[in-house]
């Protein structure tokens, strides 16, 4: 087999220990005498752990691997989970396995860092083997002395047999993979592209995951409203909002799917505001863009814009309902057979029509809609939709003709998220609009006959938002 026959998605399988060599030793206080070593390695009771059952995702992951196999007959494929990333000195960021690895194995937040999936060519396509390092046994000093893999430090790891049973994949020690490391050819864009495009259409198991995280996210928005009064007047009230949602994400899932945007007042006009260090003021709007990530790594991505005091002003309501109208117009056209860009074009036409009604366009509507004009994009510079799944901006390595210019199919999940943002110093709009930012974002599943708004139970109209806030606050004893 030549080097060109061996394809890898990533190129970072190294030691599972992210601490620089020798650093632990420089400040270690672990006793190093034979007497201590003999004592700590003895006197342990035998353990009996029930063998896990085969996970529901195992059959779906096997089907995904088969589709990848068909695209790369005769080629060796290496897909790595990745290693922990250093945040500061010898502390790491929370570990998250590589998306493609997760998709092809079904192993999510429980993934052992440094694991590697290898698809070796066979007569029938490919044979899958999952390599990873088991827990350090109590016959070695690593189980108490190695902070990267020792059970005293990181807790127990699953055995090879347990993972093989759970995921339906043959397993082997990571040391058995070491001889092949020199054969790697590094990141392969084609493999990444094929997997990304395959993920555009979700299977039944993935759709169930999406429903679950959307429901958890809805409960997170309820939590935000319950705590909103405590945010008012606090110099960093936005962080009260952020942490209210984070608690729900950690209770019901693995983490937040991305950095929560809790943008109050004029901060809502900053599209990726994640500092969340501003005040929350009575009378302002607060834009919250947040999603719970489940243990399988699938994430919701939902935005709601709320009046801090529970009631929209006349101008706030006008802007809010214009955004909702655009979202509804875009949703109404979603069905198999349209192109993905049709969703954006429809939303933008609605935005332009509303701005024309407000008297904010600098030219007649039909002129504004010409491709070389579009002045309304000043007030909404972002796109209306992106695919959603394991990654919040899912399938990003798919070709443009499969994504933006691609045909919508049943099983796709994507967002619809129009907005209007009037910067606080924008002299092209009357003063009453300045500093108002509104976005409404929902997660949409394409069905055989149309579409389903997975987040429709999170109130959307201005009237429903006000009633929702009143109900949650009353039930929690706030107002």
Protein backbone atom coordinates (compact mmCIF):
# COMPACT_ATOMS: atom_id res chain seq x y z
CA UNK A 1 0.00 0.00 0.00
CA UNK A 2 1.43 3.37 -0.98
CA UNK A 3 1.35 6.56 1.07
CA UNK A 4 -1.29 7.98 -1.26
CA UNK A 5 -3.59 5.11 -0.29
CA UNK A 6 -3.65 6.19 3.36
CA UNK A 7 -6.00 9.05 4.17
CA UNK A 8 -6.34 10.86 7.50
CA UNK A 9 -8.77 13.51 8.65
CA UNK A 10 -6.61 15.08 11.35
CA UNK A 11 -2.97 15.03 12.30
CA UNK A 12 -2.74 15.34 16.05
CA UNK A 13 -2.50 11.87 17.57
CA UNK A 14 0.35 12.18 19.99
CA UNK A 15 0.77 11.49 23.69
CA UNK A 16 -2.43 11.66 25.72
CA UNK A 17 -0.49 13.68 28.25
CA UNK A 18 -0.86 17.42 27.54
CA UNK A 19 1.46 18.49 30.37
CA UNK A 20 4.99 19.29 29.18
CA UNK A 21 7.37 16.46 29.92
CA UNK A 22 8.94 16.74 33.36
CA UNK A 23 6.66 19.49 34.61
CA UNK A 24 4.75 17.20 36.96
CA UNK A 25 8.03 15.96 38.35
CA UNK A 26 9.21 19.51 39.04
CA UNK A 27 6.45 20.11 41.56
CA UNK A 28 5.23 16.60 42.36
CA UNK A 29 4.77 15.68 46.01
CA UNK A 30 3.87 12.04 45.29
CA UNK A 31 5.97 9.70 47.46
CA UNK A 32 8.46 7.74 45.39
CA UNK A 33 9.72 5.07 47.78
CA UNK A 34 9.37 1.34 47.15
CA UNK A 35 7.54 1.04 50.45
CA UNK A 36 4.87 3.55 49.42
CA UNK A 37 4.60 2.07 45.94
CA UNK A 38 4.04 -1.43 47.29
CA UNK A 39 1.45 -0.15 49.75
CA UNK A 40 -0.62 1.93 47.32
CA UNK A 41 -0.63 -0.81 44.69
CA UNK A 42 -2.04 -3.43 47.04
CA UNK A 43 -5.14 -3.93 49.14
CA UNK A 44 -7.75 -3.19 46.47
CA UNK A 45 -10.98 -5.14 46.17
CA UNK A 46 -11.86 -6.85 42.92
CA UNK A 47 -14.22 -4.84 40.75
CA UNK A 48 -17.22 -6.10 38.89
CA UNK A 49 -18.74 -3.77 36.34
CA UNK A 50 -21.77 -4.83 34.33
CA UNK A 51 -21.12 -5.00 30.62
CA UNK A 52 -22.96 -2.15 28.86
CA UNK A 53 -25.62 -2.94 26.30
CA UNK A 54 -25.23 -2.08 22.64
CA UNK A 55 -26.09 1.59 22.21
CA UNK A 56 -28.93 2.61 19.92
CA UNK A 57 -26.54 4.78 17.92
CA UNK A 58 -24.29 1.82 17.05
CA UNK A 59 -26.29 0.69 14.01
CA UNK A 60 -26.67 4.26 12.73
CA UNK A 61 -22.92 4.87 13.08
CA UNK A 62 -22.18 1.63 11.23
CA UNK A 63 -24.35 2.80 8.34
CA UNK A 64 -22.50 6.12 8.29
CA UNK A 65 -19.15 4.35 8.13
CA UNK A 66 -20.40 2.21 5.27
CA UNK A 67 -21.30 5.28 3.22
CA UNK A 68 -17.84 6.73 3.81
CA UNK A 69 -16.32 3.37 2.91
CA UNK A 70 -18.07 3.39 -0.44
CA UNK A 71 -16.44 6.69 -1.32
CA UNK A 72 -12.90 5.52 -0.50
CA UNK A 73 -12.60 1.92 -1.65
CA UNK A 74 -9.11 0.55 -1.17
CA UNK A 75 -7.89 3.49 0.89
CA UNK A 76 -6.93 3.43 4.54
CA UNK A 77 -8.84 6.04 6.54
CA UNK A 78 -7.71 7.41 9.88
CA UNK A 79 -10.08 9.62 11.88
CA UNK A 80 -8.79 10.87 15.21
CA UNK A 81 -10.73 12.05 18.24
CA UNK A 82 -7.95 14.48 19.08
CA UNK A 83 -6.08 15.23 22.28
CA UNK A 84 -6.86 17.69 25.06
CA UNK A 85 -5.86 21.27 24.31
CA UNK A 86 -3.84 23.23 26.84
CA UNK A 87 -5.64 26.26 28.23
CA UNK A 88 -2.99 27.45 30.64
CA UNK A 89 0.21 25.74 31.67
CA UNK A 90 -0.90 22.25 32.77
CA UNK A 91 -4.66 22.82 32.68
CA UNK A 92 -6.72 21.90 29.64
CA UNK A 93 -9.88 23.16 28.01
CA UNK A 94 -12.89 20.89 28.57
CA UNK A 95 -12.36 18.01 26.18
CA UNK A 96 -14.52 17.61 23.09
CA UNK A 97 -13.86 14.91 20.53
CA UNK A 98 -13.56 15.69 16.83
CA UNK A 99 -16.90 15.98 15.04
CA UNK A 100 -16.18 13.45 12.28
CA UNK A 101 -14.89 10.95 14.83
CA UNK A 102 -18.06 11.35 16.88
CA UNK A 103 -20.27 11.01 13.82
CA UNK A 104 -18.61 7.80 12.63
CA UNK A 105 -18.35 6.10 16.04
CA UNK A 106 -21.35 7.39 18.00
CA UNK A 107 -19.00 8.07 20.92
CA UNK A 108 -19.76 11.49 22.40
CA UNK A 109 -18.85 13.14 25.70
CA UNK A 110 -17.52 9.87 27.13
CA UNK A 111 -14.83 9.59 24.43
CA UNK A 112 -11.39 8.73 25.73
CA UNK A 113 -9.01 11.50 24.58
CA UNK A 114 -6.56 10.41 21.94
CA UNK A 115 -8.80 7.67 20.54
CA UNK A 116 -8.42 6.84 16.85
CA UNK A 117 -10.86 5.24 14.42
CA UNK A 118 -9.14 3.36 11.59
CA UNK A 119 -10.95 2.00 8.54
CA UNK A 120 -8.70 -0.58 6.89
CA UNK A 121 -9.53 -1.74 3.35
CA UNK A 122 -11.07 -5.17 3.05
CA UNK A 123 -12.72 -7.27 0.38
CA UNK A 124 -16.13 -5.98 1.44
CA UNK A 125 -15.11 -2.35 1.90
CA UNK A 126 -13.45 -1.51 5.21
CA UNK A 127 -12.89 -3.05 8.62
CA UNK A 128 -13.28 -0.59 11.49
CA UNK A 129 -11.05 -0.63 14.55
CA UNK A 130 -11.25 1.82 17.42
CA UNK A 131 -7.94 2.35 19.20
CA UNK A 132 -7.72 3.96 22.62
CA UNK A 133 -5.85 3.72 25.89
CA UNK A 134 -7.58 1.94 28.73
CA UNK A 135 -7.19 3.05 32.33
CA UNK A 136 -3.78 2.54 33.84
CA UNK A 137 -3.93 -0.71 35.77
CA UNK A 138 -3.12 -0.98 39.44
CA UNK A 139 -0.13 -3.08 38.50
CA UNK A 140 1.59 0.14 37.42
CA UNK A 141 2.26 3.37 39.26
CA UNK A 142 0.47 5.37 36.56
CA UNK A 143 -2.94 4.83 38.12
CA UNK A 144 -2.02 7.20 40.94
CA UNK A 145 0.99 9.12 39.58
CA UNK A 146 -0.01 10.04 36.03
CA UNK A 147 -2.33 13.06 36.12
CA UNK A 148 -3.25 12.64 32.44
CA UNK A 149 -4.59 9.08 32.58
CA UNK A 150 -4.39 7.93 36.21
CA UNK A 151 -7.67 6.83 37.76
CA UNK A 152 -7.00 8.84 40.93
CA UNK A 153 -6.95 11.95 38.75
CA UNK A 154 -9.40 11.39 35.94
CA UNK A 155 -11.63 8.58 37.20
CA UNK A 156 -12.12 5.16 35.63
CA UNK A 157 -11.97 4.61 31.91
CA UNK A 158 -14.00 2.06 29.97
CA UNK A 159 -12.37 -1.18 28.92
CA UNK A 160 -11.81 -2.23 25.33
CA UNK A 161 -14.51 -4.88 25.67
CA UNK A 162 -17.01 -2.41 27.10
CA UNK A 163 -16.57 0.05 24.26
CA UNK A 164 -16.64 -2.71 21.65
CA UNK A 165 -19.96 -3.93 23.06
CA UNK A 166 -21.47 -0.46 23.39
CA UNK A 167 -20.48 0.88 19.96
CA UNK A 168 -20.32 -2.32 17.95
CA UNK A 169 -16.77 -1.62 16.77
CA UNK A 170 -13.68 -3.79 17.19
CA UNK A 171 -11.30 -2.19 19.69
CA UNK A 172 -7.57 -2.40 20.30
CA UNK A 173 -4.98 -0.73 22.56
CA UNK A 174 -3.70 2.60 21.27
CA UNK A 175 -0.19 1.17 21.44
CA UNK A 176 -1.13 -1.17 18.59
CA UNK A 177 -1.78 1.86 16.41
CA UNK A 178 1.65 3.38 17.03
CA UNK A 179 3.46 1.51 14.22
CA UNK A 180 1.09 3.09 11.71
CA UNK A 181 1.67 6.66 12.80
CA UNK A 182 4.52 7.17 10.40
CA UNK A 183 2.20 6.27 7.54
CA UNK A 184 -0.10 9.23 8.07
CA UNK A 185 -0.46 11.79 5.32
CA UNK A 186 -2.06 14.53 7.43
CA UNK A 187 -5.36 16.29 6.98
CA UNK A 188 -7.25 15.24 3.87
CA UNK A 189 -9.75 17.85 2.61
CA UNK A 190 -11.57 15.34 0.44
CA UNK A 191 -12.35 13.03 3.37
CA UNK A 192 -13.48 15.99 5.47
CA UNK A 193 -15.67 17.19 2.60
CA UNK A 194 -17.30 13.80 2.05
CA UNK A 195 -18.15 13.41 5.72
CA UNK A 196 -19.41 16.98 5.95
CA UNK A 197 -21.69 16.52 2.96
CA UNK A 198 -22.94 13.20 4.27
CA UNK A 199 -23.96 14.93 7.48
CA UNK A 200 -26.22 17.42 5.65
CA UNK A 201 -29.10 14.93 5.94
CA UNK A 202 -29.74 13.64 9.44
CA UNK A 203 -30.78 10.09 10.25
CA UNK A 204 -33.60 9.22 12.66
CA UNK A 205 -31.27 8.96 15.65
CA UNK A 206 -29.79 12.38 14.97
CA UNK A 207 -33.22 13.96 14.65
CA UNK A 208 -34.18 12.52 18.03
CA UNK A 209 -31.05 14.09 19.51
CA UNK A 210 -32.01 17.45 18.01
CA UNK A 211 -35.49 17.29 19.53
CA UNK A 212 -34.01 16.54 22.92
CA UNK A 213 -31.55 19.44 22.98
CA UNK A 214 -34.17 21.89 21.67
CA UNK A 215 -36.48 20.88 24.53
CA UNK A 216 -33.66 21.35 27.05
CA UNK A 217 -32.89 24.75 25.53
CA UNK A 218 -36.52 25.77 25.98
CA UNK A 219 -36.19 25.02 29.69
CA UNK A 220 -33.00 27.07 29.73
CA UNK A 221 -34.89 30.10 28.40
CA UNK A 222 -37.45 29.64 31.17
CA UNK A 223 -34.54 29.71 33.64
CA UNK A 224 -33.33 32.98 32.14
CA UNK A 225 -36.71 34.62 32.62
CA UNK A 226 -36.90 33.36 36.22
CA UNK A 227 -33.60 35.06 36.98
CA UNK A 228 -34.02 38.14 34.83
CA UNK A 229 -35.13 40.45 37.65
CA UNK A 230 -31.93 39.66 39.56
CA UNK A 231 -29.96 40.76 36.48
CA UNK A 232 -31.61 44.18 36.33
CA UNK A 233 -29.36 46.80 37.84
CA UNK A 234 -26.36 44.50 38.25
CA UNK A 235 -23.28 45.94 36.59
CA UNK A 236 -22.74 42.59 34.87
CA UNK A 237 -26.34 41.55 34.58
CA UNK A 238 -25.71 39.88 31.23
CA UNK A 239 -23.61 37.29 33.03
CA UNK A 240 -26.50 36.44 35.31
CA UNK A 241 -28.43 35.67 32.15
CA UNK A 242 -25.54 33.68 30.69
CA UNK A 243 -24.97 31.58 33.80
CA UNK A 244 -28.68 30.91 34.24
CA UNK A 245 -28.66 29.18 30.90
CA UNK A 246 -25.32 27.49 31.49
CA UNK A 247 -26.69 25.74 34.57
CA UNK A 248 -29.43 24.15 32.48
CA UNK A 249 -26.94 23.11 29.80
CA UNK A 250 -24.76 21.33 32.34
CA UNK A 251 -27.70 19.75 34.15
CA UNK A 252 -29.34 18.31 31.04
CA UNK A 253 -26.47 18.02 28.58
CA UNK A 254 -22.74 18.14 28.14
CA UNK A 255 -22.26 21.90 27.83
CA UNK A 256 -23.48 24.88 25.86
CA UNK A 257 -23.12 24.27 22.14
CA UNK A 258 -21.33 27.60 21.66
CA UNK A 259 -20.62 30.75 23.63
CA UNK A 260 -23.96 32.15 24.80
CA UNK A 261 -24.84 35.62 23.54
CA UNK A 262 -26.60 37.61 26.26
CA UNK A 263 -26.77 41.03 24.66
CA UNK A 264 -28.77 43.71 26.43
CA UNK A 265 -29.57 47.10 24.97
CA UNK A 266 -27.22 48.26 22.22
CA UNK A 267 -25.06 45.15 22.70
CA UNK A 268 -27.76 43.33 20.71
CA UNK A 269 -26.45 45.16 17.64
CA UNK A 270 -23.10 43.35 18.00
CA UNK A 271 -23.76 40.07 16.21
CA UNK A 272 -21.25 37.93 18.10
CA UNK A 273 -21.37 39.64 21.48
CA UNK A 274 -20.10 37.04 23.94
CA UNK A 275 -18.35 39.24 26.52
CA UNK A 276 -21.67 39.42 28.35
CA UNK A 277 -20.28 41.89 30.84
CA UNK A 278 -22.87 44.62 30.43
CA UNK A 279 -25.78 45.82 32.53
CA UNK A 280 -29.39 44.74 31.98
CA UNK A 281 -31.68 47.73 32.16
CA UNK A 282 -35.41 48.06 32.62
CA UNK A 283 -36.94 49.22 29.34
CA UNK A 284 -34.29 47.67 27.09
CA UNK A 285 -34.47 44.55 24.97
CA UNK A 286 -32.13 41.63 25.61
CA UNK A 287 -31.14 39.32 22.77
CA UNK A 288 -30.25 35.80 23.91
CA UNK A 289 -28.68 33.35 21.47
CA UNK A 290 -28.08 30.03 23.21
CA UNK A 291 -28.20 26.26 22.78
CA UNK A 292 -27.81 23.19 24.95
CA UNK A 293 -25.32 20.62 23.67
CA UNK A 294 -26.25 17.03 24.57
CA UNK A 295 -23.89 14.26 25.60
CA UNK A 296 -23.88 13.09 21.99
CA UNK A 297 -22.63 16.62 21.03
CA UNK A 298 -25.73 17.60 19.03
CA UNK A 299 -26.69 21.17 19.82
CA UNK A 300 -29.67 23.47 19.57
CA UNK A 301 -29.23 27.06 18.38
CA UNK A 302 -32.10 29.33 19.36
CA UNK A 303 -32.45 33.08 19.71
CA UNK A 304 -35.17 35.00 21.46
CA UNK A 305 -35.29 38.75 22.04
CA UNK A 306 -37.08 39.70 25.23
CA UNK A 307 -38.25 43.01 26.72
CA UNK A 308 -36.40 43.18 30.02
CA UNK A 309 -39.43 44.49 31.92
CA UNK A 310 -41.80 42.10 30.16
CA UNK A 311 -43.48 44.60 27.83
CA UNK A 312 -42.39 45.84 24.41
CA UNK A 313 -42.47 49.53 23.67
CA UNK A 314 -44.27 50.53 20.48
CA UNK A 315 -41.04 50.85 18.49
CA UNK A 316 -39.55 47.67 19.94
CA UNK A 317 -42.69 45.76 19.02
CA UNK A 318 -42.65 47.20 15.50
CA UNK A 319 -39.11 46.02 14.90
CA UNK A 320 -39.70 42.67 16.61
CA UNK A 321 -42.77 41.84 14.55
CA UNK A 322 -40.96 42.79 11.34
CA UNK A 323 -38.30 40.23 12.17
CA UNK A 324 -40.90 37.60 13.04
CA UNK A 325 -42.68 38.30 9.76
CA UNK A 326 -39.43 37.62 7.89
CA UNK A 327 -38.86 34.40 9.82
CA UNK A 328 -42.38 33.20 9.09
CA UNK A 329 -42.04 34.03 5.40
CA UNK A 330 -38.82 32.05 5.15
CA UNK A 331 -40.27 29.09 7.02
CA UNK A 332 -43.32 29.04 4.78
CA UNK A 333 -41.29 28.16 1.68
CA UNK A 334 -39.21 25.36 3.22
CA UNK A 335 -39.82 22.03 1.56
CA UNK A 336 -37.74 19.49 -0.35
CA UNK A 337 -36.67 20.77 -3.75
CA UNK A 338 -36.03 24.44 -3.03
CA UNK A 339 -32.45 25.68 -2.87
CA UNK A 340 -30.93 26.55 0.45
CA UNK A 341 -30.32 30.16 -0.60
CA UNK A 342 -34.06 30.59 -1.29
CA UNK A 343 -34.60 30.74 2.47
CA UNK A 344 -32.27 33.70 2.84
CA UNK A 345 -33.60 35.51 -0.21
CA UNK A 346 -37.17 35.20 1.05
CA UNK A 347 -36.32 36.51 4.50
CA UNK A 348 -34.36 39.44 3.06
CA UNK A 349 -37.23 40.48 0.79
CA UNK A 350 -39.52 40.56 3.83
CA UNK A 351 -36.98 42.63 5.76
CA UNK A 352 -36.78 45.09 2.87
CA UNK A 353 -40.58 45.35 2.69
CA UNK A 354 -40.81 46.14 6.40
CA UNK A 355 -38.09 48.76 6.21
CA UNK A 356 -39.91 50.31 3.28
CA UNK A 357 -43.07 50.46 5.38
CA UNK A 358 -41.08 52.14 8.14
CA UNK A 359 -39.77 54.70 5.66
CA UNK A 360 -36.18 53.65 6.26
CA UNK A 361 -35.11 52.66 2.74
CA UNK A 362 -33.15 55.33 0.82
CA UNK A 363 -34.78 54.31 -2.47
CA UNK A 364 -37.98 52.68 -3.79
CA UNK A 365 -38.46 49.06 -2.72
CA UNK A 366 -38.01 47.51 -6.16
CA UNK A 367 -34.74 49.40 -6.63
CA UNK A 368 -33.57 48.32 -3.19
CA UNK A 369 -34.14 44.66 -4.12
CA UNK A 370 -31.77 44.84 -7.08
CA UNK A 371 -28.61 42.76 -6.42
CA UNK A 372 -26.33 45.78 -6.84
CA UNK A 373 -28.26 47.86 -4.28
CA UNK A 374 -29.70 45.97 -1.24
CA UNK A 375 -29.39 48.89 1.23
CA UNK A 376 -31.44 46.88 3.72
CA UNK A 377 -28.41 44.63 4.25
CA UNK A 378 -26.96 47.50 6.31
CA UNK A 379 -29.41 46.49 9.01
CA UNK A 380 -28.94 42.72 8.63
CA UNK A 381 -25.49 41.81 7.38
CA UNK A 382 -25.55 38.13 8.34
CA UNK A 383 -27.09 35.15 6.57
CA UNK A 384 -30.49 33.77 7.47
CA UNK A 385 -29.65 30.10 7.83
CA UNK A 386 -26.96 27.55 8.55
CA UNK A 387 -27.06 23.80 8.96
CA UNK A 388 -27.20 22.48 12.50
CA UNK A 389 -26.19 19.24 14.18
CA UNK A 390 -23.05 18.05 15.96
CA UNK A 391 -21.56 21.46 15.20
CA UNK A 392 -23.56 24.63 15.64
CA UNK A 393 -22.44 25.70 12.16
CA UNK A 394 -22.69 22.19 10.84
CA UNK A 395 -21.27 20.66 7.67
CA UNK A 396 -19.05 23.68 7.08
CA UNK A 397 -16.62 21.80 4.82
CA UNK A 398 -19.29 20.85 2.30
CA UNK A 399 -18.92 22.30 -1.18
CA UNK A 400 -20.88 25.45 -1.96
CA UNK A 401 -22.94 23.60 -4.55
CA UNK A 402 -24.01 21.19 -1.81
CA UNK A 403 -24.61 23.87 0.81
CA UNK A 404 -25.59 27.41 -0.18
CA UNK A 405 -26.49 26.42 -3.72
CA UNK A 406 -27.65 22.96 -2.74
CA UNK A 407 -31.13 21.47 -2.96
CA UNK A 408 -33.03 21.15 0.31
CA UNK A 409 -33.81 17.54 1.26
CA UNK A 410 -35.97 15.85 3.87
CA UNK A 411 -33.91 15.19 7.01
CA UNK A 412 -31.94 18.41 6.86
CA UNK A 413 -31.89 20.54 10.01
CA UNK A 414 -31.03 24.21 9.77
CA UNK A 415 -31.74 27.52 11.43
CA UNK A 416 -33.90 30.38 10.27
CA UNK A 417 -32.66 33.53 12.00
CA UNK A 418 -33.45 36.91 10.47
CA UNK A 419 -32.74 40.06 12.44
CA UNK A 420 -32.74 43.83 12.41
CA UNK A 421 -29.93 45.78 14.04
CA UNK A 422 -29.94 49.55 14.30
CA UNK A 423 -26.56 50.62 15.61
CA UNK A 424 -26.66 53.25 18.37
CA UNK A 425 -24.71 55.72 16.21
CA UNK A 426 -26.53 55.06 12.92
CA UNK A 427 -27.67 58.42 11.55
CA UNK A 428 -29.60 56.81 8.69
CA UNK A 429 -32.46 55.90 11.03
CA UNK A 430 -34.53 58.05 13.45
CA UNK A 431 -33.25 58.23 17.01
CA UNK A 432 -36.08 56.06 18.31
CA UNK A 433 -34.65 53.05 16.43
CA UNK A 434 -31.02 53.48 17.41
CA UNK A 435 -29.65 50.85 19.77
CA UNK A 436 -32.40 48.33 19.04
CA UNK A 437 -31.29 44.86 17.96
CA UNK A 438 -33.70 41.98 17.38
CA UNK A 439 -33.13 38.41 16.20
CA UNK A 440 -35.50 35.46 16.23
CA UNK A 441 -33.93 32.09 15.53
CA UNK A 442 -35.58 28.70 15.27
CA UNK A 443 -34.34 25.20 14.43
CA UNK A 444 -36.07 23.74 11.39
CA UNK A 445 -36.42 20.10 10.33
CA UNK A 446 -37.22 19.49 6.67
CA UNK A 447 -39.89 16.82 6.25
CA UNK A 448 -41.08 14.89 3.19
CA UNK A 449 -43.89 17.38 2.61
CA UNK A 450 -42.61 20.62 4.11
CA UNK A 451 -40.95 21.57 7.36
CA UNK A 452 -41.32 21.39 11.14
CA UNK A 453 -40.20 24.14 13.49
CA UNK A 454 -38.58 22.12 16.29
CA UNK A 455 -38.52 25.18 18.57
CA UNK A 456 -42.04 26.43 17.88
CA UNK A 457 -43.07 25.81 21.51
CA UNK A 458 -40.73 28.59 22.62
CA UNK A 459 -42.97 31.69 22.29
CA UNK A 460 -42.30 33.76 19.19
CA UNK A 461 -44.92 36.48 18.67
CA UNK A 462 -44.65 39.71 20.65
CA UNK A 463 -47.92 38.96 22.44
CA UNK A 464 -46.88 35.41 23.28
CA UNK A 465 -43.47 36.54 24.53
CA UNK A 466 -45.08 39.03 26.92
CA UNK A 467 -47.53 36.38 28.17
CA UNK A 468 -44.71 33.84 28.56
CA UNK A 469 -42.58 36.21 30.59
CA UNK A 470 -45.53 37.16 32.80
CA UNK A 471 -46.41 33.51 33.45
CA UNK A 472 -42.87 32.39 34.29
CA UNK A 473 -42.22 35.38 36.52
CA UNK A 474 -45.52 34.95 38.33
CA UNK A 475 -44.94 31.25 38.91
CA UNK A 476 -41.48 31.99 40.30
CA UNK A 477 -42.82 34.73 42.57
CA UNK A 478 -41.03 37.59 40.85
CA UNK A 479 -43.97 39.70 39.78
